[in-house]
Amino acid sequence: MSSAPRYLGPKVHRASVPSPTPVAEAMRAHEGLSQLGARLEASRRRLRIIAPALPGPLAASVQPGPLDEDGWSLLAANAAVAAKLRHLLPRLEALLAQAGLPGRIRVKLVQK
């Protein structure tokens, strides 16, 4: 009898765990996630285009929001920032139109 000595205990087989897939690779592989990634990048691009028109500290209080068929949303940190953005909307929309990205901009408050 060639069995393992008792002090080693029974042999336990563990299931192998596949290595995790990087997020970027998963997004490219899935059509829906790929489209989401493209919309996120398009939203960030729009913010980069309008950023020079935002007064100093205002830029830090604005985030890119959802981009859809109806337009693009800017997310404001508070009501004062939202009010200032609404005053700037004609200029911001003109900047996007000059960059070949015409469309309506919506201003929304960030929910905390």
PDB file of N, CA and C in Angstrom:
ATOM      1  N   MET A   1       0.810  -1.171   0.000  1.00  0.00           N
ATOM      2  CA  MET A   1       0.000   0.000   0.000  1.00  0.00           C
ATOM      3  C   MET A   1       0.861   1.246   0.000  1.00  0.00           C
ATOM      4  N   SER A   2       0.702   2.020  -0.993  1.00  0.00           N
ATOM      5  CA  SER A   2       1.498   3.231  -1.050  1.00  0.00           C
ATOM      6  C   SER A   2       0.585   4.432  -0.898  1.00  0.00           C
ATOM      7  N   SER A   3       0.109   4.661   0.282  1.00  0.00           N
ATOM      8  CA  SER A   3      -0.741   5.816   0.544  1.00  0.00           C
ATOM      9  C   SER A   3       0.095   6.876   1.252  1.00  0.00           C
ATOM     10  N   ALA A   4      -0.390   8.097   1.195  1.00  0.00           N
ATOM     11  CA  ALA A   4       0.333   9.199   1.830  1.00  0.00           C
ATOM     12  C   ALA A   4       0.285   9.030   3.339  1.00  0.00           C
ATOM     13  N   PRO A   5       1.346   9.421   4.015  1.00  0.00           N
ATOM     14  CA  PRO A   5       1.341   9.340   5.476  1.00  0.00           C
ATOM     15  C   PRO A   5       0.193  10.162   6.048  1.00  0.00           C
ATOM     16  N   ARG A   6      -0.307   9.735   7.196  1.00  0.00           N
ATOM     17  CA  ARG A   6      -1.448  10.397   7.813  1.00  0.00           C
ATOM     18  C   ARG A   6      -1.191  11.858   8.148  1.00  0.00           C
ATOM     19  N   TYR A   7      -0.001  12.206   8.512  1.00  0.00           N
ATOM     20  CA  TYR A   7       0.272  13.583   8.928  1.00  0.00           C
ATOM     21  C   TYR A   7       0.171  14.584   7.785  1.00  0.00           C
ATOM     22  N   LEU A   8       0.151  14.124   6.523  1.00  0.00           N
ATOM     23  CA  LEU A   8      -0.002  15.053   5.392  1.00  0.00           C
ATOM     24  C   LEU A   8      -1.465  15.392   5.123  1.00  0.00           C
ATOM     25  N   GLY A   9      -2.366  14.598   5.612  1.00  0.00           N
ATOM     26  CA  GLY A   9      -3.780  14.850   5.394  1.00  0.00           C
ATOM     27  C   GLY A   9      -4.202  14.454   3.996  1.00  0.00           C
ATOM     28  N   PRO A  10      -5.494  14.498   3.723  1.00  0.00           N
ATOM     29  CA  PRO A  10      -5.986  14.106   2.405  1.00  0.00           C
ATOM     30  C   PRO A  10      -5.618  15.160   1.353  1.00  0.00           C
ATOM     31  N   LYS A  11      -5.434  14.711   0.151  1.00  0.00           N
ATOM     32  CA  LYS A  11      -5.095  15.600  -0.954  1.00  0.00           C
ATOM     33  C   LYS A  11      -6.362  16.352  -1.381  1.00  0.00           C
ATOM     34  N   VAL A  12      -6.290  17.662  -1.415  1.00  0.00           N
ATOM     35  CA  VAL A  12      -7.438  18.477  -1.791  1.00  0.00           C
ATOM     36  C   VAL A  12      -7.169  19.072  -3.161  1.00  0.00           C
ATOM     37  N   HIS A  13      -8.100  18.877  -4.075  1.00  0.00           N
ATOM     38  CA  HIS A  13      -7.977  19.455  -5.417  1.00  0.00           C
ATOM     39  C   HIS A  13      -8.794  20.735  -5.466  1.00  0.00           C
ATOM     40  N   ARG A  14      -8.172  21.812  -5.848  1.00  0.00           N
ATOM     41  CA  ARG A  14      -8.865  23.098  -5.953  1.00  0.00           C
ATOM     42  C   ARG A  14      -9.124  23.400  -7.421  1.00  0.00           C
ATOM     43  N   ALA A  15     -10.277  23.962  -7.679  1.00  0.00           N
ATOM     44  CA  ALA A  15     -10.606  24.352  -9.050  1.00  0.00           C
ATOM     45  C   ALA A  15      -9.712  25.519  -9.452  1.00  0.00           C
ATOM     46  N   SER A  16      -9.273  25.495 -10.674  1.00  0.00           N
ATOM     47  CA  SER A  16      -8.428  26.601 -11.127  1.00  0.00           C
ATOM     48  C   SER A  16      -9.309  27.809 -11.437  1.00  0.00           C
ATOM     49  N   VAL A  17      -8.805  28.962 -11.119  1.00  0.00           N
ATOM     50  CA  VAL A  17      -9.522  30.213 -11.338  1.00  0.00           C
ATOM     51  C   VAL A  17      -8.903  30.885 -12.554  1.00  0.00           C
ATOM     52  N   PRO A  18      -9.716  31.239 -13.549  1.00  0.00           N
ATOM     53  CA  PRO A  18      -9.140  31.908 -14.720  1.00  0.00           C
ATOM     54  C   PRO A  18      -8.607  33.280 -14.342  1.00  0.00           C
ATOM     55  N   SER A  19      -7.595  33.713 -15.036  1.00  0.00           N
ATOM     56  CA  SER A  19      -7.044  35.031 -14.751  1.00  0.00           C
ATOM     57  C   SER A  19      -8.053  36.099 -15.165  1.00  0.00           C
ATOM     58  N   PRO A  20      -8.096  37.216 -14.440  1.00  0.00           N
ATOM     59  CA  PRO A  20      -9.084  38.262 -14.733  1.00  0.00           C
ATOM     60  C   PRO A  20      -8.802  38.925 -16.084  1.00  0.00           C
ATOM     61  N   THR A  21      -9.879  39.361 -16.725  1.00  0.00           N
ATOM     62  CA  THR A  21      -9.770  40.059 -18.000  1.00  0.00           C
ATOM     63  C   THR A  21      -9.650  41.554 -17.717  1.00  0.00           C
ATOM     64  N   PRO A  22      -8.663  42.224 -18.308  1.00  0.00           N
ATOM     65  CA  PRO A  22      -8.553  43.676 -18.121  1.00  0.00           C
ATOM     66  C   PRO A  22      -9.829  44.373 -18.607  1.00  0.00           C
ATOM     67  N   VAL A  23     -10.208  45.446 -17.938  1.00  0.00           N
ATOM     68  CA  VAL A  23     -11.447  46.159 -18.255  1.00  0.00           C
ATOM     69  C   VAL A  23     -11.452  46.636 -19.704  1.00  0.00           C
ATOM     70  N   ALA A  24     -10.352  47.203 -20.159  1.00  0.00           N
ATOM     71  CA  ALA A  24     -10.293  47.714 -21.535  1.00  0.00           C
ATOM     72  C   ALA A  24     -10.537  46.592 -22.540  1.00  0.00           C
ATOM     73  N   GLU A  25      -9.984  45.422 -22.286  1.00  0.00           N
ATOM     74  CA  GLU A  25     -10.172  44.282 -23.185  1.00  0.00           C
ATOM     75  C   GLU A  25     -11.630  43.812 -23.164  1.00  0.00           C
ATOM     76  N   ALA A  26     -12.224  43.780 -21.992  1.00  0.00           N
ATOM     77  CA  ALA A  26     -13.626  43.372 -21.874  1.00  0.00           C
ATOM     78  C   ALA A  26     -14.537  44.361 -22.601  1.00  0.00           C
ATOM     79  N   MET A  27     -14.232  45.643 -22.503  1.00  0.00           N
ATOM     80  CA  MET A  27     -15.048  46.654 -23.171  1.00  0.00           C
ATOM     81  C   MET A  27     -14.953  46.522 -24.686  1.00  0.00           C
ATOM     82  N   ARG A  28     -13.764  46.205 -25.191  1.00  0.00           N
ATOM     83  CA  ARG A  28     -13.613  46.029 -26.640  1.00  0.00           C
ATOM     84  C   ARG A  28     -14.327  44.774 -27.128  1.00  0.00           C
ATOM     85  N   ALA A  29     -14.348  43.741 -26.315  1.00  0.00           N
ATOM     86  CA  ALA A  29     -14.908  42.458 -26.719  1.00  0.00           C
ATOM     87  C   ALA A  29     -16.437  42.449 -26.723  1.00  0.00           C
ATOM     88  N   HIS A  30     -17.071  43.294 -25.949  1.00  0.00           N
ATOM     89  CA  HIS A  30     -18.533  43.309 -25.830  1.00  0.00           C
ATOM     90  C   HIS A  30     -19.076  44.523 -26.564  1.00  0.00           C
ATOM     91  N   GLU A  31     -20.007  44.297 -27.487  1.00  0.00           N
ATOM     92  CA  GLU A  31     -20.516  45.384 -28.322  1.00  0.00           C
ATOM     93  C   GLU A  31     -21.136  46.519 -27.508  1.00  0.00           C
ATOM     94  N   GLY A  32     -21.984  46.184 -26.542  1.00  0.00           N
ATOM     95  CA  GLY A  32     -22.634  47.210 -25.721  1.00  0.00           C
ATOM     96  C   GLY A  32     -21.636  48.015 -24.906  1.00  0.00           C
ATOM     97  N   LEU A  33     -20.673  47.314 -24.313  1.00  0.00           N
ATOM     98  CA  LEU A  33     -19.646  48.015 -23.525  1.00  0.00           C
ATOM     99  C   LEU A  33     -18.749  48.855 -24.430  1.00  0.00           C
ATOM    100  N   SER A  34     -18.505  48.370 -25.634  1.00  0.00           N
ATOM    101  CA  SER A  34     -17.688  49.119 -26.584  1.00  0.00           C
ATOM    102  C   SER A  34     -18.363  50.439 -26.942  1.00  0.00           C
ATOM    103  N   GLN A  35     -19.684  50.390 -27.179  1.00  0.00           N
ATOM    104  CA  GLN A  35     -20.432  51.613 -27.479  1.00  0.00           C
ATOM    105  C   GLN A  35     -20.431  52.565 -26.289  1.00  0.00           C
ATOM    106  N   LEU A  36     -20.558  52.017 -25.093  1.00  0.00           N
ATOM    107  CA  LEU A  36     -20.518  52.837 -23.887  1.00  0.00           C
ATOM    108  C   LEU A  36     -19.163  53.536 -23.764  1.00  0.00           C
ATOM    109  N   GLY A  37     -18.092  52.797 -24.001  1.00  0.00           N
ATOM    110  CA  GLY A  37     -16.751  53.381 -23.949  1.00  0.00           C
ATOM    111  C   GLY A  37     -16.583  54.497 -24.954  1.00  0.00           C
ATOM    112  N   ALA A  38     -17.132  54.322 -26.152  1.00  0.00           N
ATOM    113  CA  ALA A  38     -17.041  55.362 -27.181  1.00  0.00           C
ATOM    114  C   ALA A  38     -17.816  56.607 -26.764  1.00  0.00           C
ATOM    115  N   ARG A  39     -18.983  56.421 -26.142  1.00  0.00           N
ATOM    116  CA  ARG A  39     -19.762  57.580 -25.675  1.00  0.00           C
ATOM    117  C   ARG A  39     -19.054  58.307 -24.534  1.00  0.00           C
ATOM    118  N   LEU A  40     -18.436  57.545 -23.638  1.00  0.00           N
ATOM    119  CA  LEU A  40     -17.686  58.173 -22.541  1.00  0.00           C
ATOM    120  C   LEU A  40     -16.545  59.015 -23.088  1.00  0.00           C
ATOM    121  N   GLU A  41     -15.824  58.487 -24.059  1.00  0.00           N
ATOM    122  CA  GLU A  41     -14.714  59.234 -24.646  1.00  0.00           C
ATOM    123  C   GLU A  41     -15.217  60.465 -25.396  1.00  0.00           C
ATOM    124  N   ALA A  42     -16.338  60.342 -26.105  1.00  0.00           N
ATOM    125  CA  ALA A  42     -16.911  61.485 -26.819  1.00  0.00           C
ATOM    126  C   ALA A  42     -17.330  62.575 -25.835  1.00  0.00           C
ATOM    127  N   SER A  43     -17.870  62.180 -24.682  1.00  0.00           N
ATOM    128  CA  SER A  43     -18.270  63.143 -23.660  1.00  0.00           C
ATOM    129  C   SER A  43     -17.044  63.868 -23.100  1.00  0.00           C
ATOM    130  N   ARG A  44     -15.991  63.102 -22.820  1.00  0.00           N
ATOM    131  CA  ARG A  44     -14.744  63.729 -22.318  1.00  0.00           C
ATOM    132  C   ARG A  44     -14.148  64.670 -23.349  1.00  0.00           C
ATOM    133  N   ARG A  45     -14.241  64.299 -24.627  1.00  0.00           N
ATOM    134  CA  ARG A  45     -13.706  65.154 -25.699  1.00  0.00           C
ATOM    135  C   ARG A  45     -14.450  66.479 -25.728  1.00  0.00           C
ATOM    136  N   ARG A  46     -15.754  66.435 -25.593  1.00  0.00           N
ATOM    137  CA  ARG A  46     -16.535  67.670 -25.581  1.00  0.00           C
ATOM    138  C   ARG A  46     -16.118  68.574 -24.417  1.00  0.00           C
ATOM    139  N   LEU A  47     -15.879  67.991 -23.262  1.00  0.00           N
ATOM    140  CA  LEU A  47     -15.448  68.802 -22.125  1.00  0.00           C
ATOM    141  C   LEU A  47     -14.093  69.448 -22.405  1.00  0.00           C
ATOM    142  N   ARG A  48     -13.185  68.703 -23.034  1.00  0.00           N
ATOM    143  CA  ARG A  48     -11.872  69.282 -23.374  1.00  0.00           C
ATOM    144  C   ARG A  48     -12.019  70.456 -24.332  1.00  0.00           C
ATOM    145  N   ILE A  49     -13.006  70.386 -25.236  1.00  0.00           N
ATOM    146  CA  ILE A  49     -13.221  71.464 -26.208  1.00  0.00           C
ATOM    147  C   ILE A  49     -13.733  72.725 -25.531  1.00  0.00           C
ATOM    148  N   ILE A  50     -14.654  72.576 -24.584  1.00  0.00           N
ATOM    149  CA  ILE A  50     -15.244  73.767 -23.953  1.00  0.00           C
ATOM    150  C   ILE A  50     -14.454  74.266 -22.746  1.00  0.00           C
ATOM    151  N   ALA A  51     -13.553  73.468 -22.217  1.00  0.00           N
ATOM    152  CA  ALA A  51     -12.818  73.834 -20.998  1.00  0.00           C
ATOM    153  C   ALA A  51     -12.163  75.211 -21.063  1.00  0.00           C
ATOM    154  N   PRO A  52     -11.547  75.617 -22.187  1.00  0.00           N
ATOM    155  CA  PRO A  52     -10.934  76.958 -22.216  1.00  0.00           C
ATOM    156  C   PRO A  52     -11.933  78.097 -22.015  1.00  0.00           C
ATOM    157  N   ALA A  53     -13.211  77.875 -22.271  1.00  0.00           N
ATOM    158  CA  ALA A  53     -14.227  78.926 -22.106  1.00  0.00           C
ATOM    159  C   ALA A  53     -14.780  78.990 -20.689  1.00  0.00           C
ATOM    160  N   LEU A  54     -14.395  78.036 -19.844  1.00  0.00           N
ATOM    161  CA  LEU A  54     -14.883  78.038 -18.460  1.00  0.00           C
ATOM    162  C   LEU A  54     -13.947  78.867 -17.593  1.00  0.00           C
ATOM    163  N   PRO A  55     -14.483  79.838 -16.852  1.00  0.00           N
ATOM    164  CA  PRO A  55     -13.638  80.644 -15.970  1.00  0.00           C
ATOM    165  C   PRO A  55     -12.922  79.762 -14.938  1.00  0.00           C
ATOM    166  N   GLY A  56     -11.698  80.125 -14.614  1.00  0.00           N
ATOM    167  CA  GLY A  56     -10.818  79.421 -13.684  1.00  0.00           C
ATOM    168  C   GLY A  56     -11.403  78.358 -12.783  1.00  0.00           C
ATOM    169  N   PRO A  57     -11.908  78.739 -11.597  1.00  0.00           N
ATOM    170  CA  PRO A  57     -12.371  77.737 -10.640  1.00  0.00           C
ATOM    171  C   PRO A  57     -13.631  76.986 -11.087  1.00  0.00           C
ATOM    172  N   LEU A  58     -14.353  77.518 -12.054  1.00  0.00           N
ATOM    173  CA  LEU A  58     -15.578  76.864 -12.516  1.00  0.00           C
ATOM    174  C   LEU A  58     -15.264  75.508 -13.160  1.00  0.00           C
ATOM    175  N   ALA A  59     -14.168  75.421 -13.887  1.00  0.00           N
ATOM    176  CA  ALA A  59     -13.809  74.186 -14.589  1.00  0.00           C
ATOM    177  C   ALA A  59     -13.659  73.010 -13.630  1.00  0.00           C
ATOM    178  N   ALA A  60     -13.174  73.268 -12.429  1.00  0.00           N
ATOM    179  CA  ALA A  60     -12.980  72.196 -11.454  1.00  0.00           C
ATOM    180  C   ALA A  60     -14.308  71.671 -10.896  1.00  0.00           C
ATOM    181  N   SER A  61     -15.382  72.427 -11.090  1.00  0.00           N
ATOM    182  CA  SER A  61     -16.687  72.046 -10.551  1.00  0.00           C
ATOM    183  C   SER A  61     -17.620  71.463 -11.604  1.00  0.00           C
ATOM    184  N   VAL A  62     -17.061  71.146 -12.777  1.00  0.00           N
ATOM    185  CA  VAL A  62     -17.861  70.628 -13.887  1.00  0.00           C
ATOM    186  C   VAL A  62     -17.317  69.266 -14.303  1.00  0.00           C
ATOM    187  N   GLN A  63     -18.229  68.327 -14.580  1.00  0.00           N
ATOM    188  CA  GLN A  63     -17.846  67.001 -15.061  1.00  0.00           C
ATOM    189  C   GLN A  63     -18.598  66.696 -16.346  1.00  0.00           C
ATOM    190  N   PRO A  64     -17.999  65.884 -17.220  1.00  0.00           N
ATOM    191  CA  PRO A  64     -18.751  65.487 -18.414  1.00  0.00           C
ATOM    192  C   PRO A  64     -19.847  64.515 -18.027  1.00  0.00           C
ATOM    193  N   GLY A  65     -21.002  64.673 -18.627  1.00  0.00           N
ATOM    194  CA  GLY A  65     -22.126  63.802 -18.328  1.00  0.00           C
ATOM    195  C   GLY A  65     -22.506  62.943 -19.515  1.00  0.00           C
ATOM    196  N   PRO A  66     -23.692  62.360 -19.482  1.00  0.00           N
ATOM    197  CA  PRO A  66     -24.136  61.470 -20.549  1.00  0.00           C
ATOM    198  C   PRO A  66     -24.272  62.165 -21.901  1.00  0.00           C
ATOM    199  N   LEU A  67     -23.969  61.427 -22.937  1.00  0.00           N
ATOM    200  CA  LEU A  67     -24.126  61.883 -24.311  1.00  0.00           C
ATOM    201  C   LEU A  67     -25.131  60.945 -24.970  1.00  0.00           C
ATOM    202  N   ASP A  68     -26.194  61.520 -25.541  1.00  0.00           N
ATOM    203  CA  ASP A  68     -27.201  60.691 -26.193  1.00  0.00           C
ATOM    204  C   ASP A  68     -27.700  61.392 -27.455  1.00  0.00           C
ATOM    205  N   GLU A  69     -28.753  60.845 -28.046  1.00  0.00           N
ATOM    206  CA  GLU A  69     -29.288  61.387 -29.295  1.00  0.00           C
ATOM    207  C   GLU A  69     -29.829  62.802 -29.125  1.00  0.00           C
ATOM    208  N   ASP A  70     -30.293  63.141 -27.922  1.00  0.00           N
ATOM    209  CA  ASP A  70     -30.883  64.450 -27.664  1.00  0.00           C
ATOM    210  C   ASP A  70     -29.858  65.529 -27.336  1.00  0.00           C
ATOM    211  N   GLY A  71     -28.664  65.169 -26.983  1.00  0.00           N
ATOM    212  CA  GLY A  71     -27.643  66.152 -26.641  1.00  0.00           C
ATOM    213  C   GLY A  71     -26.652  65.613 -25.632  1.00  0.00           C
ATOM    214  N   TRP A  72     -25.999  66.546 -24.971  1.00  0.00           N
ATOM    215  CA  TRP A  72     -24.929  66.215 -24.037  1.00  0.00           C
ATOM    216  C   TRP A  72     -25.226  66.902 -22.718  1.00  0.00           C
ATOM    217  N   SER A  73     -24.928  66.251 -21.611  1.00  0.00           N
ATOM    218  CA  SER A  73     -25.152  66.830 -20.283  1.00  0.00           C
ATOM    219  C   SER A  73     -23.831  67.219 -19.637  1.00  0.00           C
ATOM    220  N   LEU A  74     -23.837  68.385 -19.025  1.00  0.00           N
ATOM    221  CA  LEU A  74     -22.733  68.818 -18.172  1.00  0.00           C
ATOM    222  C   LEU A  74     -23.224  68.669 -16.742  1.00  0.00           C
ATOM    223  N   LEU A  75     -22.401  68.105 -15.893  1.00  0.00           N
ATOM    224  CA  LEU A  75     -22.774  67.898 -14.495  1.00  0.00           C
ATOM    225  C   LEU A  75     -22.121  68.965 -13.633  1.00  0.00           C
ATOM    226  N   ALA A  76     -22.942  69.735 -12.942  1.00  0.00           N
ATOM    227  CA  ALA A  76     -22.473  70.833 -12.101  1.00  0.00           C
ATOM    228  C   ALA A  76     -22.436  70.400 -10.642  1.00  0.00           C
ATOM    229  N   ALA A  77     -21.403  70.846  -9.928  1.00  0.00           N
ATOM    230  CA  ALA A  77     -21.218  70.456  -8.531  1.00  0.00           C
ATOM    231  C   ALA A  77     -22.270  71.059  -7.602  1.00  0.00           C
ATOM    232  N   ASN A  78     -22.799  72.232  -7.960  1.00  0.00           N
ATOM    233  CA  ASN A  78     -23.812  72.879  -7.113  1.00  0.00           C
ATOM    234  C   ASN A  78     -24.664  73.827  -7.954  1.00  0.00           C
ATOM    235  N   ALA A  79     -25.662  74.424  -7.336  1.00  0.00           N
ATOM    236  CA  ALA A  79     -26.610  75.277  -8.053  1.00  0.00           C
ATOM    237  C   ALA A  79     -25.946  76.532  -8.625  1.00  0.00           C
ATOM    238  N   ALA A  80     -24.987  77.097  -7.912  1.00  0.00           N
ATOM    239  CA  ALA A  80     -24.303  78.297  -8.411  1.00  0.00           C
ATOM    240  C   ALA A  80     -23.525  77.987  -9.695  1.00  0.00           C
ATOM    241  N   VAL A  81     -22.858  76.852  -9.715  1.00  0.00           N
ATOM    242  CA  VAL A  81     -22.107  76.437 -10.912  1.00  0.00           C
ATOM    243  C   VAL A  81     -23.089  76.187 -12.058  1.00  0.00           C
ATOM    244  N   ALA A  82     -24.212  75.546 -11.763  1.00  0.00           N
ATOM    245  CA  ALA A  82     -25.212  75.278 -12.791  1.00  0.00           C
ATOM    246  C   ALA A  82     -25.743  76.579 -13.390  1.00  0.00           C
ATOM    247  N   ALA A  83     -26.002  77.576 -12.545  1.00  0.00           N
ATOM    248  CA  ALA A  83     -26.504  78.859 -13.030  1.00  0.00           C
ATOM    249  C   ALA A  83     -25.488  79.529 -13.951  1.00  0.00           C
ATOM    250  N   LYS A  84     -24.232  79.518 -13.574  1.00  0.00           N
ATOM    251  CA  LYS A  84     -23.187  80.126 -14.405  1.00  0.00           C
ATOM    252  C   LYS A  84     -23.062  79.383 -15.733  1.00  0.00           C
ATOM    253  N   LEU A  85     -23.144  78.058 -15.689  1.00  0.00           N
ATOM    254  CA  LEU A  85     -23.065  77.276 -16.933  1.00  0.00           C
ATOM    255  C   LEU A  85     -24.225  77.620 -17.869  1.00  0.00           C
ATOM    256  N   ARG A  86     -25.401  77.807 -17.299  1.00  0.00           N
ATOM    257  CA  ARG A  86     -26.558  78.147 -18.137  1.00  0.00           C
ATOM    258  C   ARG A  86     -26.357  79.491 -18.841  1.00  0.00           C
ATOM    259  N   HIS A  87     -25.678  80.427 -18.184  1.00  0.00           N
ATOM    260  CA  HIS A  87     -25.359  81.714 -18.816  1.00  0.00           C
ATOM    261  C   HIS A  87     -24.350  81.537 -19.945  1.00  0.00           C
ATOM    262  N   LEU A  88     -23.482  80.554 -19.811  1.00  0.00           N
ATOM    263  CA  LEU A  88     -22.435  80.314 -20.808  1.00  0.00           C
ATOM    264  C   LEU A  88     -22.866  79.398 -21.951  1.00  0.00           C
ATOM    265  N   LEU A  89     -24.062  78.820 -21.871  1.00  0.00           N
ATOM    266  CA  LEU A  89     -24.482  77.826 -22.862  1.00  0.00           C
ATOM    267  C   LEU A  89     -24.349  78.272 -24.317  1.00  0.00           C
ATOM    268  N   PRO A  90     -24.778  79.482 -24.691  1.00  0.00           N
ATOM    269  CA  PRO A  90     -24.627  79.866 -26.110  1.00  0.00           C
ATOM    270  C   PRO A  90     -23.161  79.804 -26.572  1.00  0.00           C
ATOM    271  N   ARG A  91     -22.249  80.267 -25.744  1.00  0.00           N
ATOM    272  CA  ARG A  91     -20.823  80.238 -26.098  1.00  0.00           C
ATOM    273  C   ARG A  91     -20.309  78.807 -26.168  1.00  0.00           C
ATOM    274  N   LEU A  92     -20.702  77.970 -25.215  1.00  0.00           N
ATOM    275  CA  LEU A  92     -20.233  76.582 -25.186  1.00  0.00           C
ATOM    276  C   LEU A  92     -20.760  75.800 -26.384  1.00  0.00           C
ATOM    277  N   GLU A  93     -22.039  76.002 -26.719  1.00  0.00           N
ATOM    278  CA  GLU A  93     -22.609  75.317 -27.881  1.00  0.00           C
ATOM    279  C   GLU A  93     -21.955  75.787 -29.171  1.00  0.00           C
ATOM    280  N   ALA A  94     -21.588  77.071 -29.231  1.00  0.00           N
ATOM    281  CA  ALA A  94     -20.886  77.592 -30.419  1.00  0.00           C
ATOM    282  C   ALA A  94     -19.507  76.948 -30.557  1.00  0.00           C
ATOM    283  N   LEU A  95     -18.805  76.766 -29.439  1.00  0.00           N
ATOM    284  CA  LEU A  95     -17.493  76.105 -29.489  1.00  0.00           C
ATOM    285  C   LEU A  95     -17.605  74.676 -30.009  1.00  0.00           C
ATOM    286  N   LEU A  96     -18.617  73.961 -29.550  1.00  0.00           N
ATOM    287  CA  LEU A  96     -18.812  72.592 -30.029  1.00  0.00           C
ATOM    288  C   LEU A  96     -19.167  72.581 -31.512  1.00  0.00           C
ATOM    289  N   ALA A  97     -19.997  73.523 -31.943  1.00  0.00           N
ATOM    290  CA  ALA A  97     -20.373  73.590 -33.362  1.00  0.00           C
ATOM    291  C   ALA A  97     -19.141  73.877 -34.224  1.00  0.00           C
ATOM    292  N   GLN A  98     -18.245  74.765 -33.753  1.00  0.00           N
ATOM    293  CA  GLN A  98     -17.011  75.052 -34.488  1.00  0.00           C
ATOM    294  C   GLN A  98     -16.128  73.824 -34.604  1.00  0.00           C
ATOM    295  N   ALA A  99     -16.204  72.948 -33.620  1.00  0.00           N
ATOM    296  CA  ALA A  99     -15.403  71.724 -33.632  1.00  0.00           C
ATOM    297  C   ALA A  99     -16.112  70.599 -34.396  1.00  0.00           C
ATOM    298  N   GLY A 100     -17.265  70.903 -35.009  1.00  0.00           N
ATOM    299  CA  GLY A 100     -17.988  69.897 -35.777  1.00  0.00           C
ATOM    300  C   GLY A 100     -18.854  68.989 -34.925  1.00  0.00           C
ATOM    301  N   LEU A 101     -19.181  69.439 -33.722  1.00  0.00           N
ATOM    302  CA  LEU A 101     -20.000  68.645 -32.802  1.00  0.00           C
ATOM    303  C   LEU A 101     -21.228  69.441 -32.360  1.00  0.00           C
ATOM    304  N   PRO A 102     -22.091  69.805 -33.299  1.00  0.00           N
ATOM    305  CA  PRO A 102     -23.249  70.606 -32.905  1.00  0.00           C
ATOM    306  C   PRO A 102     -24.207  69.790 -32.051  1.00  0.00           C
ATOM    307  N   GLY A 103     -24.980  70.488 -31.271  1.00  0.00           N
ATOM    308  CA  GLY A 103     -25.961  69.816 -30.429  1.00  0.00           C
ATOM    309  C   GLY A 103     -26.302  70.635 -29.214  1.00  0.00           C
ATOM    310  N   ARG A 104     -27.312  70.194 -28.524  1.00  0.00           N
ATOM    311  CA  ARG A 104     -27.810  70.888 -27.330  1.00  0.00           C
ATOM    312  C   ARG A 104     -27.031  70.424 -26.105  1.00  0.00           C
ATOM    313  N   ILE A 105     -26.754  71.366 -25.214  1.00  0.00           N
ATOM    314  CA  ILE A 105     -26.105  71.039 -23.941  1.00  0.00           C
ATOM    315  C   ILE A 105     -27.143  71.211 -22.834  1.00  0.00           C
ATOM    316  N   ARG A 106     -27.232  70.182 -21.982  1.00  0.00           N
ATOM    317  CA  ARG A 106     -28.088  70.252 -20.801  1.00  0.00           C
ATOM    318  C   ARG A 106     -27.191  70.412 -19.586  1.00  0.00           C
ATOM    319  N   VAL A 107     -27.666  71.135 -18.585  1.00  0.00           N
ATOM    320  CA  VAL A 107     -26.918  71.300 -17.334  1.00  0.00           C
ATOM    321  C   VAL A 107     -27.710  70.588 -16.244  1.00  0.00           C
ATOM    322  N   LYS A 108     -27.025  69.709 -15.528  1.00  0.00           N
ATOM    323  CA  LYS A 108     -27.665  68.967 -14.445  1.00  0.00           C
ATOM    324  C   LYS A 108     -26.805  69.053 -13.199  1.00  0.00           C
ATOM    325  N   LEU A 109     -27.447  68.998 -12.044  1.00  0.00           N
ATOM    326  CA  LEU A 109     -26.713  68.966 -10.783  1.00  0.00           C
ATOM    327  C   LEU A 109     -26.249  67.558 -10.467  1.00  0.00           C
ATOM    328  N   VAL A 110     -25.069  67.433  -9.922  1.00  0.00           N
ATOM    329  CA  VAL A 110     -24.553  66.135  -9.495  1.00  0.00           C
ATOM    330  C   VAL A 110     -25.308  65.736  -8.249  1.00  0.00           C
ATOM    331  N   GLN A 111     -25.874  64.543  -8.244  1.00  0.00           N
ATOM    332  CA  GLN A 111     -26.593  64.040  -7.069  1.00  0.00           C
ATOM    333  C   GLN A 111     -25.601  63.473  -6.073  1.00  0.00           C
ATOM    334  N   LYS A 112     -25.686  63.933  -4.835  1.00  0.00           N
ATOM    335  CA  LYS A 112     -24.749  63.450  -3.818  1.00  0.00           C
ATOM    336  C   LYS A 112     -25.439  62.542  -2.849  1.00  0.00           C
TER     337      LYS A 112
END
